[in-house]
């Protein structure tokens, strides 16, 4: 029986591409470097800030990465939060599932995740939020998802993970948790959806709502 729903953030809960591009280009501009190319934009959309900065500054001898991180930590990401676009049916979906299931987040964001939840008044819905700075190995490693399962004393087959990238596919597979692919038909997943409210009609949730035993993944 389904007990736990785990969400990715970027590309699932929020369309964050514009905010991410603006943020990393802001860091590059501070050091008088050109903006990201398309490959780099795609990379930072999925990876942690540490991996992303190593990737986009890889061709430059200066500045050193510790200087980049020092500048990053002095800054305030709140200026970029208004450019985050919440999925239009996320809040209605959360109202439907909150209380019926435990809810959690596994994301490669770091210290920007909680301010983002607070800005959009979503923090109350989630019993566990795992970010890249809380684990030794961020996505695609399964560490964060395994910690969430442990926290809720939940077996992998009693959970689902909603993700949109190949890192999410690998993250879920490493923990043995079925994946709902969000707006990405290319992923190997138990289900594919284009919106949150579609998830309510999927067998794990629909069967639970009717008091039936859900089918095995």
Protein backbone atom coordinates (compact mmCIF):
# COMPACT_ATOMS: atom_id res chain seq x y z
CA UNK A 1 0.00 0.00 0.00
CA UNK A 2 1.24 3.48 -0.83
CA UNK A 3 2.41 5.42 2.22
CA UNK A 4 4.93 7.98 0.98
CA UNK A 5 5.21 10.43 -1.93
CA UNK A 6 8.60 12.02 -2.57
CA UNK A 7 9.04 15.03 -4.86
CA UNK A 8 11.94 16.38 -6.83
CA UNK A 9 11.94 20.20 -6.89
CA UNK A 10 13.37 21.65 -10.10
CA UNK A 11 11.37 20.67 -13.16
CA UNK A 12 8.67 19.06 -11.01
CA UNK A 13 7.36 21.33 -8.27
CA UNK A 14 8.77 24.41 -9.98
CA UNK A 15 9.85 25.49 -13.41
CA UNK A 16 13.16 26.88 -12.23
CA UNK A 17 15.07 27.05 -15.47
CA UNK A 18 14.88 30.83 -15.82
CA UNK A 19 15.88 31.42 -12.20
CA UNK A 20 18.78 28.97 -12.42
CA UNK A 21 20.13 30.51 -15.61
CA UNK A 22 19.92 34.00 -14.12
CA UNK A 23 21.60 32.88 -10.90
CA UNK A 24 24.59 31.11 -12.46
CA UNK A 25 25.06 33.81 -15.08
CA UNK A 26 25.09 36.30 -12.21
CA UNK A 27 27.98 34.40 -10.62
CA UNK A 28 29.86 34.26 -13.92
CA UNK A 29 29.30 37.96 -14.57
CA UNK A 30 30.70 38.86 -11.15
CA UNK A 31 34.01 37.36 -12.27
CA UNK A 32 33.76 39.04 -15.71
CA UNK A 33 33.10 35.73 -17.48
CA UNK A 34 30.64 35.06 -20.32
CA UNK A 35 27.22 33.51 -19.67
CA UNK A 36 26.57 29.79 -19.83
CA UNK A 37 26.11 27.94 -23.09
CA UNK A 38 23.19 25.57 -23.71
CA UNK A 39 25.05 22.50 -22.41
CA UNK A 40 25.85 24.29 -19.17
CA UNK A 41 22.28 25.50 -18.76
CA UNK A 42 21.06 21.92 -19.07
CA UNK A 43 23.66 20.72 -16.58
CA UNK A 44 22.89 23.20 -13.81
CA UNK A 45 19.18 22.45 -14.11
CA UNK A 46 19.77 18.95 -12.71
CA UNK A 47 22.92 18.99 -10.60
CA UNK A 48 23.89 20.32 -7.19
CA UNK A 49 25.42 23.77 -6.84
CA UNK A 50 28.85 22.26 -6.11
CA UNK A 51 28.81 20.08 -9.22
CA UNK A 52 27.32 22.89 -11.30
CA UNK A 53 29.95 25.44 -10.36
CA UNK A 54 32.74 22.94 -10.99
CA UNK A 55 31.24 22.32 -14.42
CA UNK A 56 30.65 25.89 -15.58
CA UNK A 57 33.99 27.19 -14.23
CA UNK A 58 35.98 24.18 -15.50
CA UNK A 59 37.63 26.06 -18.39
CA UNK A 60 38.88 29.00 -16.33
CA UNK A 61 42.10 29.16 -14.35
CA UNK A 62 40.68 32.10 -12.39
CA UNK A 63 38.80 32.40 -10.14
CA UNK A 64 39.44 29.39 -7.92
CA UNK A 65 36.32 27.45 -6.97
CA UNK A 66 36.74 28.34 -3.30
CA UNK A 67 36.54 32.02 -4.32
CA UNK A 68 33.36 31.35 -6.28
CA UNK A 69 31.77 29.55 -3.35
CA UNK A 70 32.83 32.31 -0.98
CA UNK A 71 31.08 34.88 -3.16
CA UNK A 72 28.04 32.61 -3.54
CA UNK A 73 27.66 32.20 0.21
CA UNK A 74 27.84 35.96 0.75
CA UNK A 75 24.95 36.49 -1.63
CA UNK A 76 21.22 36.17 -1.22
CA UNK A 77 19.29 33.86 -3.53
CA UNK A 78 15.99 35.53 -2.60
CA UNK A 79 16.37 37.94 -5.52
CA UNK A 80 15.93 34.98 -7.87
CA UNK A 81 12.96 33.34 -6.12
CA UNK A 82 10.38 35.52 -7.94
CA UNK A 83 11.48 33.88 -11.18
CA UNK A 84 10.57 30.41 -9.90
CA UNK A 85 7.25 29.33 -11.42
CA UNK A 86 5.26 26.89 -9.31
CA UNK A 87 3.37 24.19 -11.22
CA UNK A 88 -0.23 25.44 -11.39
CA UNK A 89 -1.80 22.30 -9.92
CA UNK A 90 0.87 21.58 -7.29
CA UNK A 91 -1.01 23.25 -4.45
CA UNK A 92 -4.37 21.56 -5.24
CA UNK A 93 -2.53 18.24 -5.44
CA UNK A 94 -0.84 18.79 -2.08
CA UNK A 95 -4.19 19.61 -0.49
CA UNK A 96 -5.55 16.30 -1.80
CA UNK A 97 -2.69 14.07 -0.64
CA UNK A 98 -1.56 15.81 2.54
CA UNK A 99 -2.76 13.79 5.51
CA UNK A 100 -3.40 10.71 3.39
CA UNK A 101 0.30 10.10 2.73
CA UNK A 102 3.62 11.20 4.15
CA UNK A 103 5.23 13.78 1.85
CA UNK A 104 8.92 14.52 1.39
CA UNK A 105 11.36 16.24 -0.98
CA UNK A 106 14.64 14.93 -2.38
CA UNK A 107 16.46 17.63 -4.31
CA UNK A 108 19.93 18.63 -5.43
CA UNK A 109 19.25 22.15 -4.20
CA UNK A 110 21.09 23.15 -1.04
CA UNK A 111 20.39 26.17 1.17
CA UNK A 112 17.82 27.63 -1.25
CA UNK A 113 15.20 24.91 -0.74
CA UNK A 114 13.69 26.02 2.58
CA UNK A 115 13.45 29.72 1.58
CA UNK A 116 11.71 28.59 -1.59
CA UNK A 117 9.16 26.54 0.35
CA UNK A 118 8.60 29.42 2.76
CA UNK A 119 8.07 31.94 -0.02
CA UNK A 120 5.33 29.82 -1.57
CA UNK A 121 3.86 28.70 1.81
CA UNK A 122 4.56 25.02 1.12
CA UNK A 123 6.79 24.12 4.06
CA UNK A 124 3.88 22.78 6.15
CA UNK A 125 3.14 19.99 3.68
CA UNK A 126 6.47 18.17 3.92
CA UNK A 127 7.63 15.99 6.78
CA UNK A 128 11.18 15.59 5.46
CA UNK A 129 13.28 17.71 3.10
CA UNK A 130 16.57 16.25 1.89
CA UNK A 131 18.98 18.52 0.03
CA UNK A 132 22.38 17.93 -1.55
CA UNK A 133 24.20 19.37 1.46
CA UNK A 134 22.60 16.84 3.84
CA UNK A 135 24.14 13.75 2.25
CA UNK A 136 27.63 12.58 1.36
CA UNK A 137 26.50 11.73 -2.17
CA UNK A 138 23.79 13.82 -3.88
CA UNK A 139 21.74 12.60 -6.82
CA UNK A 140 21.99 10.39 -8.75
CA UNK A 141 23.14 8.43 -5.69
CA UNK A 142 20.18 7.07 -3.68
CA UNK A 143 21.40 8.37 -0.30
CA UNK A 144 18.78 11.10 0.21
CA UNK A 145 15.90 8.86 -0.81
CA UNK A 146 17.13 6.06 1.43
CA UNK A 147 17.28 8.51 4.34
CA UNK A 148 13.69 9.54 3.64
CA UNK A 149 12.55 5.91 3.62
CA UNK A 150 14.35 5.33 6.91
CA UNK A 151 12.83 8.46 8.46
CA UNK A 152 9.28 7.34 7.67
CA UNK A 153 10.01 3.64 8.33
CA UNK A 154 8.79 2.95 4.83
CA UNK A 155 9.67 0.15 2.42
CA UNK A 156 10.64 1.15 -1.15
CA UNK A 157 7.52 -0.48 -2.61
CA UNK A 158 5.39 1.66 -0.27
CA UNK A 159 6.72 4.88 -1.82
CA UNK A 160 6.75 6.69 -5.14
CA UNK A 161 9.18 9.34 -6.38
CA UNK A 162 8.15 12.10 -8.78
CA UNK A 163 11.06 13.24 -10.96
CA UNK A 164 11.83 14.66 -14.37
CA UNK A 165 15.46 13.87 -15.22
CA UNK A 166 17.80 10.97 -15.82
CA UNK A 167 19.35 11.75 -12.43
CA UNK A 168 15.92 11.24 -10.87
CA UNK A 169 15.50 7.95 -12.75
CA UNK A 170 18.83 6.72 -11.38
CA UNK A 171 18.08 8.11 -7.91
CA UNK A 172 14.78 6.22 -7.66
CA UNK A 173 16.19 3.02 -9.15
CA UNK A 174 19.10 3.03 -6.70
CA UNK A 175 16.66 3.09 -3.79
CA UNK A 176 14.24 0.62 -5.38
CA UNK A 177 11.44 3.20 -5.41
CA UNK A 178 9.00 3.35 -8.38
CA UNK A 179 9.30 6.51 -10.45
CA UNK A 180 6.59 8.80 -11.77
CA UNK A 181 8.18 10.63 -14.71
CA UNK A 182 6.98 14.23 -14.80
CA UNK A 183 6.79 15.77 -18.28
CA UNK A 184 9.54 13.49 -19.60
CA UNK A 185 8.39 10.50 -21.65
CA UNK A 186 12.00 9.44 -22.27
CA UNK A 187 12.52 8.20 -18.72
CA UNK A 188 12.15 4.58 -17.72
CA UNK A 189 9.35 4.90 -15.17
CA UNK A 190 6.37 3.10 -13.70
CA UNK A 191 4.13 5.97 -14.84
CA UNK A 192 4.37 9.08 -17.01
CA UNK A 193 2.32 12.23 -16.34
CA UNK A 194 2.06 15.82 -17.60
CA UNK A 195 0.49 17.31 -14.47
CA UNK A 196 0.07 16.65 -10.78
CA UNK A 197 -3.67 16.06 -10.84
CA UNK A 198 -3.11 13.21 -13.30
CA UNK A 199 -1.26 11.43 -10.50
CA UNK A 200 -4.47 11.16 -8.46
CA UNK A 201 -5.87 8.78 -11.09
CA UNK A 202 -2.83 6.48 -11.10
CA UNK A 203 -3.39 2.98 -9.65
CA UNK A 204 -1.35 3.45 -6.42
CA UNK A 205 -3.40 6.49 -5.37
CA UNK A 206 -6.75 5.61 -6.93
CA UNK A 207 -6.75 2.13 -5.38
CA UNK A 208 -5.84 3.51 -1.96
CA UNK A 209 -8.63 6.09 -2.18
CA UNK A 210 -11.13 3.29 -2.88
CA UNK A 211 -9.80 1.10 -0.12
CA UNK A 212 -8.45 -1.50 -2.54
CA UNK A 213 -5.13 -3.27 -2.61
CA UNK A 214 -3.00 -1.45 -5.21
CA UNK A 215 -1.30 -3.47 -7.93
CA UNK A 216 2.39 -4.29 -7.54
CA UNK A 217 4.87 -2.24 -9.57
